[in-house]
Amino acid sequence: MPAVIVLATGGTIASRHDDSGAAVPADAGAALVATAGAVPGVDVTVRDVTATDSSALTLDQLDEIRAAVTDALGDPDVAGVVVTHGTDTMEETSLLVDLAHADPRPVVFTGAQHPADSPAADGPANLAEAIAVAADPAYRGLGVLLSFAGNVQTVRGLAKVSTVAPQPFAGGLPVAELEGTAPHRLLTKQAPIADVRVDVVASYPGADGALVDASVAAGARGIVLAGTGSGNTTVALADAVRRALDAGVVVVVSTRIASGPVDAAYGGGGGAADLVAAGALLSRRLRPGQARIVLLALLAAGVGPRWIGAYLGR
């Protein structure tokens, strides 16, 4: 019988309404597994890592979750791992785990859109499906996966695109499209990310360089620019990016747009072509949240701009 370890970290799937009507962390991992019911032919054990809404997670806690996954896979009898997690920042934590996940055994993230005491609670079904995926050898060698609302996809490129839809995520590759491909692993070691500062700065009409300058002054080693369109910004913000680059800060250009590639198609002083000419790197597919996680993890591991750019340019 395949063994699966469930790592509980909190989130909506583990929340219940308090007296004020707000959803707050409530259920430990054992309660989640109990409500999901037995998955036929799978031996499930539970470990509680944290009980935190994912919007409130710290970088230290992300390190703890990643370490818990590594520890769970240290048991050769384990067929796979499931991580229950809040949907708000699941795209970040799952990608952090994926960056160095060379083990062929599945690591599957899941969560819920409705609290555990909601009449429409979706957590039990999502968890049961994720456990079945983690135990299934057909999902070996595909990297870290998301199982949610009957859909399984990769986590690279993942973004939460709805606050209410039963399936709130898009951007990952459906597993059905992965045949004949292999996940790309850039990291051969895991280094703590908690001591690395990487900020996200948004572009908008009239944006100046004050936030970029403040980020540099605060000691940021990296900045992710949430650009407009295909990665563009204002002339003033582009000037601040040049100052940051001159100070040795790695600047990555992403976009606030939900889909489509980032591309150095525009100039004019603030276009992505100008930013690339100054030395910024393009995050071709990853949106700001995941681009920041990549930059955090790679800077922490001592990876240089050349390889950071190569990964983000895929």
C-alpha atoms as a PDB file:
ATOM      1  CA  MET A   1       0.000   0.000   0.000  1.00  0.00           C
ATOM      2  CA  PRO A   2       1.571   3.352  -1.035  1.00  0.00           C
ATOM      3  CA  ALA A   3       2.276   5.794   1.787  1.00  0.00           C
ATOM      4  CA  VAL A   4       1.512   9.512   1.486  1.00  0.00           C
ATOM      5  CA  ILE A   5       2.478  12.204   3.989  1.00  0.00           C
ATOM      6  CA  VAL A   6       0.152  15.210   4.285  1.00  0.00           C
ATOM      7  CA  LEU A   7       1.846  18.412   5.453  1.00  0.00           C
ATOM      8  CA  ALA A   8      -0.694  20.864   6.871  1.00  0.00           C
ATOM      9  CA  THR A   9       0.186  24.571   6.758  1.00  0.00           C
ATOM     10  CA  GLY A  10      -3.152  26.319   7.292  1.00  0.00           C
ATOM     11  CA  GLY A  11      -5.191  28.352   4.834  1.00  0.00           C
ATOM     12  CA  THR A  12      -8.883  28.381   3.996  1.00  0.00           C
ATOM     13  CA  ILE A  13      -8.981  24.592   3.879  1.00  0.00           C
ATOM     14  CA  ALA A  14      -8.220  24.592   7.634  1.00  0.00           C
ATOM     15  CA  SER A  15     -10.330  27.638   8.565  1.00  0.00           C
ATOM     16  CA  ARG A  16     -13.677  28.024  10.297  1.00  0.00           C
ATOM     17  CA  HIS A  17     -15.826  31.069  11.021  1.00  0.00           C
ATOM     18  CA  ASP A  18     -15.401  32.736  14.408  1.00  0.00           C
ATOM     19  CA  ASP A  19     -18.096  34.620  16.338  1.00  0.00           C
ATOM     20  CA  SER A  20     -17.544  37.721  14.201  1.00  0.00           C
ATOM     21  CA  GLY A  21     -18.107  35.782  10.995  1.00  0.00           C
ATOM     22  CA  ALA A  22     -14.479  35.951   9.863  1.00  0.00           C
ATOM     23  CA  ALA A  23     -12.709  32.796   8.714  1.00  0.00           C
ATOM     24  CA  VAL A  24      -9.717  32.000  10.939  1.00  0.00           C
ATOM     25  CA  PRO A  25      -7.270  29.063  11.200  1.00  0.00           C
ATOM     26  CA  ALA A  26      -8.910  26.254  13.166  1.00  0.00           C
ATOM     27  CA  ASP A  27      -8.335  22.671  11.982  1.00  0.00           C
ATOM     28  CA  ALA A  28      -5.120  20.703  12.345  1.00  0.00           C
ATOM     29  CA  GLY A  29      -4.007  18.269   9.684  1.00  0.00           C
ATOM     30  CA  ALA A  30      -5.633  15.238  11.309  1.00  0.00           C
ATOM     31  CA  ALA A  31      -9.038  16.905  11.099  1.00  0.00           C
ATOM     32  CA  LEU A  32      -8.506  17.704   7.421  1.00  0.00           C
ATOM     33  CA  VAL A  33      -7.638  14.113   6.589  1.00  0.00           C
ATOM     34  CA  ALA A  34     -10.588  12.846   8.625  1.00  0.00           C
ATOM     35  CA  THR A  35     -13.061  14.992   6.696  1.00  0.00           C
ATOM     36  CA  ALA A  36     -11.487  13.967   3.378  1.00  0.00           C
ATOM     37  CA  GLY A  37     -12.211  10.339   4.214  1.00  0.00           C
ATOM     38  CA  ALA A  38     -10.140   7.282   3.449  1.00  0.00           C
ATOM     39  CA  VAL A  39      -8.518   7.135   0.020  1.00  0.00           C
ATOM     40  CA  PRO A  40      -8.701   3.478  -1.048  1.00  0.00           C
ATOM     41  CA  GLY A  41      -5.344   1.732  -1.103  1.00  0.00           C
ATOM     42  CA  VAL A  42      -3.347   4.627   0.402  1.00  0.00           C
ATOM     43  CA  ASP A  43      -1.744   4.821   3.850  1.00  0.00           C
ATOM     44  CA  VAL A  44      -1.915   8.473   4.971  1.00  0.00           C
ATOM     45  CA  THR A  45       0.022  10.120   7.802  1.00  0.00           C
ATOM     46  CA  VAL A  46      -0.172  13.774   8.806  1.00  0.00           C
ATOM     47  CA  ARG A  47       2.375  16.326   9.963  1.00  0.00           C
ATOM     48  CA  ASP A  48       1.450  19.861  11.056  1.00  0.00           C
ATOM     49  CA  VAL A  49       3.990  22.431   9.867  1.00  0.00           C
ATOM     50  CA  THR A  50       2.129  25.661  10.659  1.00  0.00           C
ATOM     51  CA  ALA A  51      -1.447  26.917  10.915  1.00  0.00           C
ATOM     52  CA  THR A  52      -1.240  30.232   9.109  1.00  0.00           C
ATOM     53  CA  ASP A  53      -3.322  31.992   6.505  1.00  0.00           C
ATOM     54  CA  SER A  54      -1.059  32.052   3.467  1.00  0.00           C
ATOM     55  CA  SER A  55      -1.372  35.829   3.122  1.00  0.00           C
ATOM     56  CA  ALA A  56       0.457  36.101   6.465  1.00  0.00           C
ATOM     57  CA  LEU A  57       3.276  33.617   5.820  1.00  0.00           C
ATOM     58  CA  THR A  58       6.826  34.822   6.442  1.00  0.00           C
ATOM     59  CA  LEU A  59       9.898  33.825   4.467  1.00  0.00           C
ATOM     60  CA  ASP A  60      11.039  31.832   7.498  1.00  0.00           C
ATOM     61  CA  GLN A  61       7.818  29.828   7.275  1.00  0.00           C
ATOM     62  CA  LEU A  62       8.317  29.233   3.559  1.00  0.00           C
ATOM     63  CA  ASP A  63      11.744  27.839   4.421  1.00  0.00           C
ATOM     64  CA  GLU A  64      10.096  25.608   7.045  1.00  0.00           C
ATOM     65  CA  ILE A  65       7.544  24.279   4.565  1.00  0.00           C
ATOM     66  CA  ARG A  66      10.239  23.523   2.007  1.00  0.00           C
ATOM     67  CA  ALA A  67      12.328  21.768   4.678  1.00  0.00           C
ATOM     68  CA  ALA A  68       9.297  19.734   5.774  1.00  0.00           C
ATOM     69  CA  VAL A  69       8.833  18.481   2.209  1.00  0.00           C
ATOM     70  CA  THR A  70      12.494  17.482   2.010  1.00  0.00           C
ATOM     71  CA  ASP A  71      12.249  15.710   5.364  1.00  0.00           C
ATOM     72  CA  ALA A  72       9.113  13.820   4.328  1.00  0.00           C
ATOM     73  CA  LEU A  73      10.821  12.590   1.170  1.00  0.00           C
ATOM     74  CA  GLY A  74      13.729  11.362   3.274  1.00  0.00           C
ATOM     75  CA  ASP A  75      11.663   8.238   3.941  1.00  0.00           C
ATOM     76  CA  PRO A  76      12.152   5.888   0.970  1.00  0.00           C
ATOM     77  CA  ASP A  77       8.823   4.194   1.703  1.00  0.00           C
ATOM     78  CA  VAL A  78       6.882   7.393   1.025  1.00  0.00           C
ATOM     79  CA  ALA A  79       5.248   7.440  -2.408  1.00  0.00           C
ATOM     80  CA  GLY A  80       4.429  11.147  -2.410  1.00  0.00           C
ATOM     81  CA  VAL A  81       3.703  14.250  -0.361  1.00  0.00           C
ATOM     82  CA  VAL A  82       0.643  16.504  -0.183  1.00  0.00           C
ATOM     83  CA  VAL A  83       0.865  20.082   1.108  1.00  0.00           C
ATOM     84  CA  THR A  84      -2.372  21.742   2.224  1.00  0.00           C
ATOM     85  CA  HIS A  85      -1.932  25.491   1.828  1.00  0.00           C
ATOM     86  CA  GLY A  86      -3.863  28.720   1.526  1.00  0.00           C
ATOM     87  CA  THR A  87      -4.639  29.763  -2.030  1.00  0.00           C
ATOM     88  CA  ASP A  88      -3.512  33.397  -1.647  1.00  0.00           C
ATOM     89  CA  THR A  89       0.204  32.609  -1.948  1.00  0.00           C
ATOM     90  CA  MET A  90       0.191  28.961  -2.975  1.00  0.00           C
ATOM     91  CA  GLU A  91       1.795  29.924  -6.274  1.00  0.00           C
ATOM     92  CA  GLU A  92       4.847  31.271  -4.438  1.00  0.00           C
ATOM     93  CA  THR A  93       5.414  28.452  -1.937  1.00  0.00           C
ATOM     94  CA  SER A  94       4.841  25.701  -4.481  1.00  0.00           C
ATOM     95  CA  LEU A  95       7.347  27.210  -6.906  1.00  0.00           C
ATOM     96  CA  LEU A  96       9.930  27.580  -4.131  1.00  0.00           C
ATOM     97  CA  VAL A  97       9.631  23.846  -3.464  1.00  0.00           C
ATOM     98  CA  ASP A  98       9.705  23.069  -7.183  1.00  0.00           C
ATOM     99  CA  LEU A  99      12.954  24.926  -7.851  1.00  0.00           C
ATOM    100  CA  ALA A 100      15.062  22.250  -6.163  1.00  0.00           C
ATOM    101  CA  HIS A 101      12.715  19.269  -6.310  1.00  0.00           C
ATOM    102  CA  ALA A 102      14.791  16.661  -8.131  1.00  0.00           C
ATOM    103  CA  ASP A 103      13.084  13.667  -6.497  1.00  0.00           C
ATOM    104  CA  PRO A 104      10.743  11.899  -8.941  1.00  0.00           C
ATOM    105  CA  ARG A 105       8.077  11.376  -6.275  1.00  0.00           C
ATOM    106  CA  PRO A 106       5.113  13.735  -6.529  1.00  0.00           C
ATOM    107  CA  VAL A 107       4.716  16.734  -4.264  1.00  0.00           C
ATOM    108  CA  VAL A 108       1.139  17.944  -4.625  1.00  0.00           C
ATOM    109  CA  PHE A 109      -0.264  21.233  -3.321  1.00  0.00           C
ATOM    110  CA  THR A 110      -3.956  21.699  -2.679  1.00  0.00           C
ATOM    111  CA  GLY A 111      -6.311  23.917  -0.703  1.00  0.00           C
ATOM    112  CA  ALA A 112      -9.843  25.239  -0.719  1.00  0.00           C
ATOM    113  CA  GLN A 113     -11.951  28.194  -1.756  1.00  0.00           C
ATOM    114  CA  HIS A 114     -14.405  27.745   1.129  1.00  0.00           C
ATOM    115  CA  PRO A 115     -13.759  27.280   4.874  1.00  0.00           C
ATOM    116  CA  ALA A 116     -14.203  23.879   6.473  1.00  0.00           C
ATOM    117  CA  ASP A 117     -17.559  24.803   8.051  1.00  0.00           C
ATOM    118  CA  SER A 118     -19.043  26.239   4.860  1.00  0.00           C
ATOM    119  CA  PRO A 119     -21.997  24.411   3.265  1.00  0.00           C
ATOM    120  CA  ALA A 120     -19.956  24.533   0.049  1.00  0.00           C
ATOM    121  CA  ALA A 121     -16.709  23.294   1.627  1.00  0.00           C
ATOM    122  CA  ASP A 122     -14.462  22.017  -1.158  1.00  0.00           C
ATOM    123  CA  GLY A 123     -11.428  21.136   0.934  1.00  0.00           C
ATOM    124  CA  PRO A 124     -12.292  17.478   1.631  1.00  0.00           C
ATOM    125  CA  ALA A 125     -12.747  16.612  -2.051  1.00  0.00           C
ATOM    126  CA  ASN A 126      -9.629  18.548  -3.064  1.00  0.00           C
ATOM    127  CA  LEU A 127      -7.541  16.821  -0.398  1.00  0.00           C
ATOM    128  CA  ALA A 128      -8.797  13.352  -1.318  1.00  0.00           C
ATOM    129  CA  GLU A 129      -7.921  13.993  -4.961  1.00  0.00           C
ATOM    130  CA  ALA A 130      -4.466  15.328  -4.059  1.00  0.00           C
ATOM    131  CA  ILE A 131      -3.712  12.262  -1.935  1.00  0.00           C
ATOM    132  CA  ALA A 132      -4.709   9.997  -4.820  1.00  0.00           C
ATOM    133  CA  VAL A 133      -2.437  11.952  -7.185  1.00  0.00           C
ATOM    134  CA  ALA A 134       0.513  11.799  -4.776  1.00  0.00           C
ATOM    135  CA  ALA A 135       0.118   8.018  -4.467  1.00  0.00           C
ATOM    136  CA  ASP A 136      -0.180   7.400  -8.203  1.00  0.00           C
ATOM    137  CA  PRO A 137       3.099   6.441  -9.967  1.00  0.00           C
ATOM    138  CA  ALA A 138       1.747   8.015 -13.161  1.00  0.00           C
ATOM    139  CA  TYR A 139       2.550  11.427 -11.653  1.00  0.00           C
ATOM    140  CA  ARG A 140       6.204  10.660 -10.896  1.00  0.00           C
ATOM    141  CA  GLY A 141       8.863  12.823 -12.511  1.00  0.00           C
ATOM    142  CA  LEU A 142       6.580  15.776 -13.260  1.00  0.00           C
ATOM    143  CA  GLY A 143       7.844  18.153 -10.585  1.00  0.00           C
ATOM    144  CA  VAL A 144       5.665  19.871  -8.011  1.00  0.00           C
ATOM    145  CA  LEU A 145       1.986  19.821  -8.941  1.00  0.00           C
ATOM    146  CA  LEU A 146      -1.271  21.533  -8.035  1.00  0.00           C
ATOM    147  CA  SER A 147      -4.372  19.381  -7.650  1.00  0.00           C
ATOM    148  CA  PHE A 148      -7.509  21.479  -7.316  1.00  0.00           C
ATOM    149  CA  ALA A 149     -11.146  21.000  -8.325  1.00  0.00           C
ATOM    150  CA  GLY A 150     -10.401  17.892 -10.355  1.00  0.00           C
ATOM    151  CA  ASN A 151      -7.567  19.500 -12.314  1.00  0.00           C
ATOM    152  CA  VAL A 152      -3.839  18.717 -12.065  1.00  0.00           C
ATOM    153  CA  GLN A 153      -1.251  21.162 -13.403  1.00  0.00           C
ATOM    154  CA  THR A 154       2.355  22.159 -12.899  1.00  0.00           C
ATOM    155  CA  VAL A 155       3.118  25.045 -10.567  1.00  0.00           C
ATOM    156  CA  ARG A 156       5.580  26.945 -12.766  1.00  0.00           C
ATOM    157  CA  GLY A 157       3.606  29.820 -14.261  1.00  0.00           C
ATOM    158  CA  LEU A 158       0.741  29.312 -11.829  1.00  0.00           C
ATOM    159  CA  ALA A 159      -1.334  32.313 -10.743  1.00  0.00           C
ATOM    160  CA  LYS A 160      -4.499  32.719  -8.719  1.00  0.00           C
ATOM    161  CA  VAL A 161      -6.921  34.373 -11.116  1.00  0.00           C
ATOM    162  CA  SER A 162     -10.201  34.283  -9.180  1.00  0.00           C
ATOM    163  CA  THR A 163     -11.228  34.863  -5.581  1.00  0.00           C
ATOM    164  CA  VAL A 164     -14.462  32.893  -5.956  1.00  0.00           C
ATOM    165  CA  ALA A 165     -14.230  30.323  -8.774  1.00  0.00           C
ATOM    166  CA  PRO A 166     -14.087  26.643  -7.757  1.00  0.00           C
ATOM    167  CA  GLN A 167     -10.863  26.394  -9.779  1.00  0.00           C
ATOM    168  CA  PRO A 168      -9.050  29.644  -8.968  1.00  0.00           C
ATOM    169  CA  PHE A 169      -5.730  28.863 -10.643  1.00  0.00           C
ATOM    170  CA  ALA A 170      -4.442  29.149 -14.186  1.00  0.00           C
ATOM    171  CA  GLY A 171      -1.093  29.359 -15.925  1.00  0.00           C
ATOM    172  CA  GLY A 172       0.405  25.984 -15.074  1.00  0.00           C
ATOM    173  CA  LEU A 173       0.710  23.298 -17.724  1.00  0.00           C
ATOM    174  CA  PRO A 174      -1.970  20.604 -17.601  1.00  0.00           C
ATOM    175  CA  VAL A 175      -0.345  17.280 -16.794  1.00  0.00           C
ATOM    176  CA  ALA A 176      -1.849  15.834 -19.968  1.00  0.00           C
ATOM    177  CA  GLU A 177       0.492  18.118 -21.941  1.00  0.00           C
ATOM    178  CA  LEU A 178       3.673  17.001 -20.157  1.00  0.00           C
ATOM    179  CA  GLU A 179       4.352  13.704 -21.891  1.00  0.00           C
ATOM    180  CA  GLY A 180       7.937  13.539 -23.122  1.00  0.00           C
ATOM    181  CA  THR A 181       9.064  16.574 -21.149  1.00  0.00           C
ATOM    182  CA  ALA A 182      11.158  16.846 -18.009  1.00  0.00           C
ATOM    183  CA  PRO A 183      11.078  19.577 -15.351  1.00  0.00           C
ATOM    184  CA  HIS A 184      13.990  22.012 -15.469  1.00  0.00           C
ATOM    185  CA  ARG A 185      15.902  22.140 -12.186  1.00  0.00           C
ATOM    186  CA  LEU A 186      18.273  25.053 -11.712  1.00  0.00           C
ATOM    187  CA  LEU A 187      19.009  24.635  -8.004  1.00  0.00           C
ATOM    188  CA  THR A 188      21.145  21.765  -6.742  1.00  0.00           C
ATOM    189  CA  LYS A 189      21.026  23.006  -3.154  1.00  0.00           C
ATOM    190  CA  GLN A 190      18.517  24.750  -0.930  1.00  0.00           C
ATOM    191  CA  ALA A 191      19.586  27.915   0.857  1.00  0.00           C
ATOM    192  CA  PRO A 192      17.407  29.847   3.332  1.00  0.00           C
ATOM    193  CA  ILE A 193      15.598  32.746   1.694  1.00  0.00           C
ATOM    194  CA  ALA A 194      14.599  34.598   4.861  1.00  0.00           C
ATOM    195  CA  ASP A 195      17.707  36.792   4.924  1.00  0.00           C
ATOM    196  CA  VAL A 196      17.385  37.921   1.301  1.00  0.00           C
ATOM    197  CA  ARG A 197      15.353  41.020   0.483  1.00  0.00           C
ATOM    198  CA  VAL A 198      13.598  41.161  -2.873  1.00  0.00           C
ATOM    199  CA  ASP A 199      10.889  43.782  -3.382  1.00  0.00           C
ATOM    200  CA  VAL A 200       8.124  44.153  -5.955  1.00  0.00           C
ATOM    201  CA  VAL A 201       7.568  47.618  -7.401  1.00  0.00           C
ATOM    202  CA  ALA A 202       4.551  48.367  -9.576  1.00  0.00           C
ATOM    203  CA  SER A 203       4.448  50.626 -12.597  1.00  0.00           C
ATOM    204  CA  TYR A 204       1.456  52.860 -13.272  1.00  0.00           C
ATOM    205  CA  PRO A 205       0.803  56.180 -15.021  1.00  0.00           C
ATOM    206  CA  GLY A 206       2.898  58.851 -13.340  1.00  0.00           C
ATOM    207  CA  ALA A 207       5.140  56.420 -11.439  1.00  0.00           C
ATOM    208  CA  ASP A 208       8.444  57.958 -10.404  1.00  0.00           C
ATOM    209  CA  GLY A 209      11.519  56.210  -9.056  1.00  0.00           C
ATOM    210  CA  ALA A 210      10.935  56.788  -5.339  1.00  0.00           C
ATOM    211  CA  LEU A 211       9.948  53.214  -4.511  1.00  0.00           C
ATOM    212  CA  VAL A 212      12.861  51.702  -6.419  1.00  0.00           C
ATOM    213  CA  ASP A 213      15.274  54.093  -4.704  1.00  0.00           C
ATOM    214  CA  ALA A 214      13.728  53.232  -1.320  1.00  0.00           C
ATOM    215  CA  SER A 215      14.095  49.529  -2.019  1.00  0.00           C
ATOM    216  CA  VAL A 216      17.781  49.945  -2.812  1.00  0.00           C
ATOM    217  CA  ALA A 217      18.258  52.048   0.323  1.00  0.00           C
ATOM    218  CA  ALA A 218      16.564  49.316   2.388  1.00  0.00           C
ATOM    219  CA  GLY A 219      19.138  46.777   1.236  1.00  0.00           C
ATOM    220  CA  ALA A 220      17.265  44.899  -1.458  1.00  0.00           C
ATOM    221  CA  ARG A 221      19.402  42.506  -3.461  1.00  0.00           C
ATOM    222  CA  GLY A 222      16.719  42.191  -6.081  1.00  0.00           C
ATOM    223  CA  ILE A 223      13.700  44.073  -7.402  1.00  0.00           C
ATOM    224  CA  VAL A 224      10.845  42.711  -9.479  1.00  0.00           C
ATOM    225  CA  LEU A 225       9.131  45.321 -11.605  1.00  0.00           C
ATOM    226  CA  ALA A 226       5.422  44.699 -12.165  1.00  0.00           C
ATOM    227  CA  GLY A 227       5.319  46.493 -15.471  1.00  0.00           C
ATOM    228  CA  THR A 228       2.441  47.481 -17.689  1.00  0.00           C
ATOM    229  CA  GLY A 229       1.680  45.665 -20.924  1.00  0.00           C
ATOM    230  CA  SER A 230       4.517  43.407 -22.029  1.00  0.00           C
ATOM    231  CA  GLY A 231       6.881  44.758 -19.372  1.00  0.00           C
ATOM    232  CA  ASN A 232       6.957  48.514 -19.819  1.00  0.00           C
ATOM    233  CA  THR A 233       7.178  51.425 -17.411  1.00  0.00           C
ATOM    234  CA  THR A 234       7.595  55.180 -17.181  1.00  0.00           C
ATOM    235  CA  VAL A 235      10.778  57.004 -18.111  1.00  0.00           C
ATOM    236  CA  ALA A 236      11.280  58.084 -14.488  1.00  0.00           C
ATOM    237  CA  LEU A 237      10.908  54.542 -13.198  1.00  0.00           C
ATOM    238  CA  ALA A 238      13.279  53.265 -15.873  1.00  0.00           C
ATOM    239  CA  ASP A 239      15.858  55.821 -14.737  1.00  0.00           C
ATOM    240  CA  ALA A 240      15.533  54.492 -11.183  1.00  0.00           C
ATOM    241  CA  VAL A 241      15.986  50.943 -12.476  1.00  0.00           C
ATOM    242  CA  ARG A 242      19.268  52.031 -14.058  1.00  0.00           C
ATOM    243  CA  ARG A 243      20.403  53.455 -10.723  1.00  0.00           C
ATOM    244  CA  ALA A 244      19.497  50.195  -9.000  1.00  0.00           C
ATOM    245  CA  LEU A 245      21.402  48.167 -11.567  1.00  0.00           C
ATOM    246  CA  ASP A 246      24.431  50.435 -11.153  1.00  0.00           C
ATOM    247  CA  ALA A 247      24.240  49.718  -7.407  1.00  0.00           C
ATOM    248  CA  GLY A 248      24.467  45.971  -8.075  1.00  0.00           C
ATOM    249  CA  VAL A 249      20.796  45.141  -7.550  1.00  0.00           C
ATOM    250  CA  VAL A 250      19.338  42.468  -9.837  1.00  0.00           C
ATOM    251  CA  VAL A 251      16.202  43.816 -11.527  1.00  0.00           C
ATOM    252  CA  VAL A 252      13.642  41.493 -13.097  1.00  0.00           C
ATOM    253  CA  VAL A 253      10.852  42.765 -15.335  1.00  0.00           C
ATOM    254  CA  SER A 254       7.451  41.078 -15.134  1.00  0.00           C
ATOM    255  CA  THR A 255       3.963  42.409 -15.846  1.00  0.00           C
ATOM    256  CA  ARG A 256       0.679  43.090 -14.088  1.00  0.00           C
ATOM    257  CA  ILE A 257      -1.158  41.534 -17.056  1.00  0.00           C
ATOM    258  CA  ALA A 258      -2.639  38.105 -16.346  1.00  0.00           C
ATOM    259  CA  SER A 259      -1.529  36.315 -19.506  1.00  0.00           C
ATOM    260  CA  GLY A 260       0.854  36.654 -22.406  1.00  0.00           C
ATOM    261  CA  PRO A 261       4.652  36.881 -22.498  1.00  0.00           C
ATOM    262  CA  VAL A 262       6.881  39.683 -21.306  1.00  0.00           C
ATOM    263  CA  ASP A 263       8.830  40.905 -24.311  1.00  0.00           C
ATOM    264  CA  ALA A 264      11.335  43.631 -25.116  1.00  0.00           C
ATOM    265  CA  ALA A 265       9.123  45.023 -27.864  1.00  0.00           C
ATOM    266  CA  TYR A 266       8.897  48.698 -26.878  1.00  0.00           C
ATOM    267  CA  GLY A 267      11.425  51.467 -26.408  1.00  0.00           C
ATOM    268  CA  GLY A 268      10.777  55.160 -25.907  1.00  0.00           C
ATOM    269  CA  GLY A 269      12.753  55.509 -22.702  1.00  0.00           C
ATOM    270  CA  GLY A 270      10.616  53.324 -20.459  1.00  0.00           C
ATOM    271  CA  GLY A 271       9.887  50.270 -22.562  1.00  0.00           C
ATOM    272  CA  ALA A 272      11.101  46.767 -21.822  1.00  0.00           C
ATOM    273  CA  ALA A 273      13.696  47.153 -24.572  1.00  0.00           C
ATOM    274  CA  ASP A 274      15.199  50.090 -22.669  1.00  0.00           C
ATOM    275  CA  LEU A 275      15.186  48.128 -19.410  1.00  0.00           C
ATOM    276  CA  VAL A 276      16.930  45.157 -21.021  1.00  0.00           C
ATOM    277  CA  ALA A 277      19.506  47.465 -22.604  1.00  0.00           C
ATOM    278  CA  ALA A 278      20.262  48.775 -19.121  1.00  0.00           C
ATOM    279  CA  GLY A 279      20.817  45.247 -17.796  1.00  0.00           C
ATOM    280  CA  ALA A 280      17.427  44.180 -16.438  1.00  0.00           C
ATOM    281  CA  LEU A 281      16.247  40.582 -16.886  1.00  0.00           C
ATOM    282  CA  LEU A 282      12.912  39.591 -18.399  1.00  0.00           C
ATOM    283  CA  SER A 283      10.573  37.180 -16.626  1.00  0.00           C
ATOM    284  CA  ARG A 284       9.006  35.937 -19.810  1.00  0.00           C
ATOM    285  CA  ARG A 285       6.253  33.822 -18.275  1.00  0.00           C
ATOM    286  CA  LEU A 286       6.256  34.188 -14.497  1.00  0.00           C
ATOM    287  CA  ARG A 287       4.149  36.918 -12.937  1.00  0.00           C
ATOM    288  CA  PRO A 288       5.585  39.136 -10.164  1.00  0.00           C
ATOM    289  CA  GLY A 289       4.865  36.809  -7.230  1.00  0.00           C
ATOM    290  CA  GLN A 290       6.583  33.796  -8.754  1.00  0.00           C
ATOM    291  CA  ALA A 291       9.358  35.902 -10.301  1.00  0.00           C
ATOM    292  CA  ARG A 292      10.136  37.207  -6.821  1.00  0.00           C
ATOM    293  CA  ILE A 293      10.323  33.674  -5.409  1.00  0.00           C
ATOM    294  CA  VAL A 294      12.736  32.643  -8.154  1.00  0.00           C
ATOM    295  CA  LEU A 295      14.908  35.676  -7.507  1.00  0.00           C
ATOM    296  CA  LEU A 296      14.875  35.066  -3.738  1.00  0.00           C
ATOM    297  CA  ALA A 297      15.815  31.410  -4.078  1.00  0.00           C
ATOM    298  CA  LEU A 298      18.498  31.892  -6.701  1.00  0.00           C
ATOM    299  CA  LEU A 299      20.152  34.853  -4.998  1.00  0.00           C
ATOM    300  CA  ALA A 300      20.155  32.927  -1.715  1.00  0.00           C
ATOM    301  CA  ALA A 301      21.845  29.999  -3.450  1.00  0.00           C
ATOM    302  CA  GLY A 302      24.508  32.220  -4.998  1.00  0.00           C
ATOM    303  CA  VAL A 303      23.252  31.922  -8.570  1.00  0.00           C
ATOM    304  CA  GLY A 304      24.416  34.764 -10.804  1.00  0.00           C
ATOM    305  CA  PRO A 305      22.359  37.019 -13.087  1.00  0.00           C
ATOM    306  CA  ARG A 306      23.226  35.027 -16.205  1.00  0.00           C
ATOM    307  CA  TRP A 307      21.551  31.869 -14.922  1.00  0.00           C
ATOM    308  CA  ILE A 308      18.717  33.775 -13.292  1.00  0.00           C
ATOM    309  CA  GLY A 309      17.983  35.316 -16.667  1.00  0.00           C
ATOM    310  CA  ALA A 310      18.193  31.932 -18.380  1.00  0.00           C
ATOM    311  CA  TYR A 311      15.611  30.418 -16.031  1.00  0.00           C
ATOM    312  CA  LEU A 312      13.230  33.362 -16.178  1.00  0.00           C
ATOM    313  CA  GLY A 313      13.563  33.599 -19.948  1.00  0.00           C
ATOM    314  CA  ARG A 314      12.169  30.112 -20.525  1.00  0.00           C
END
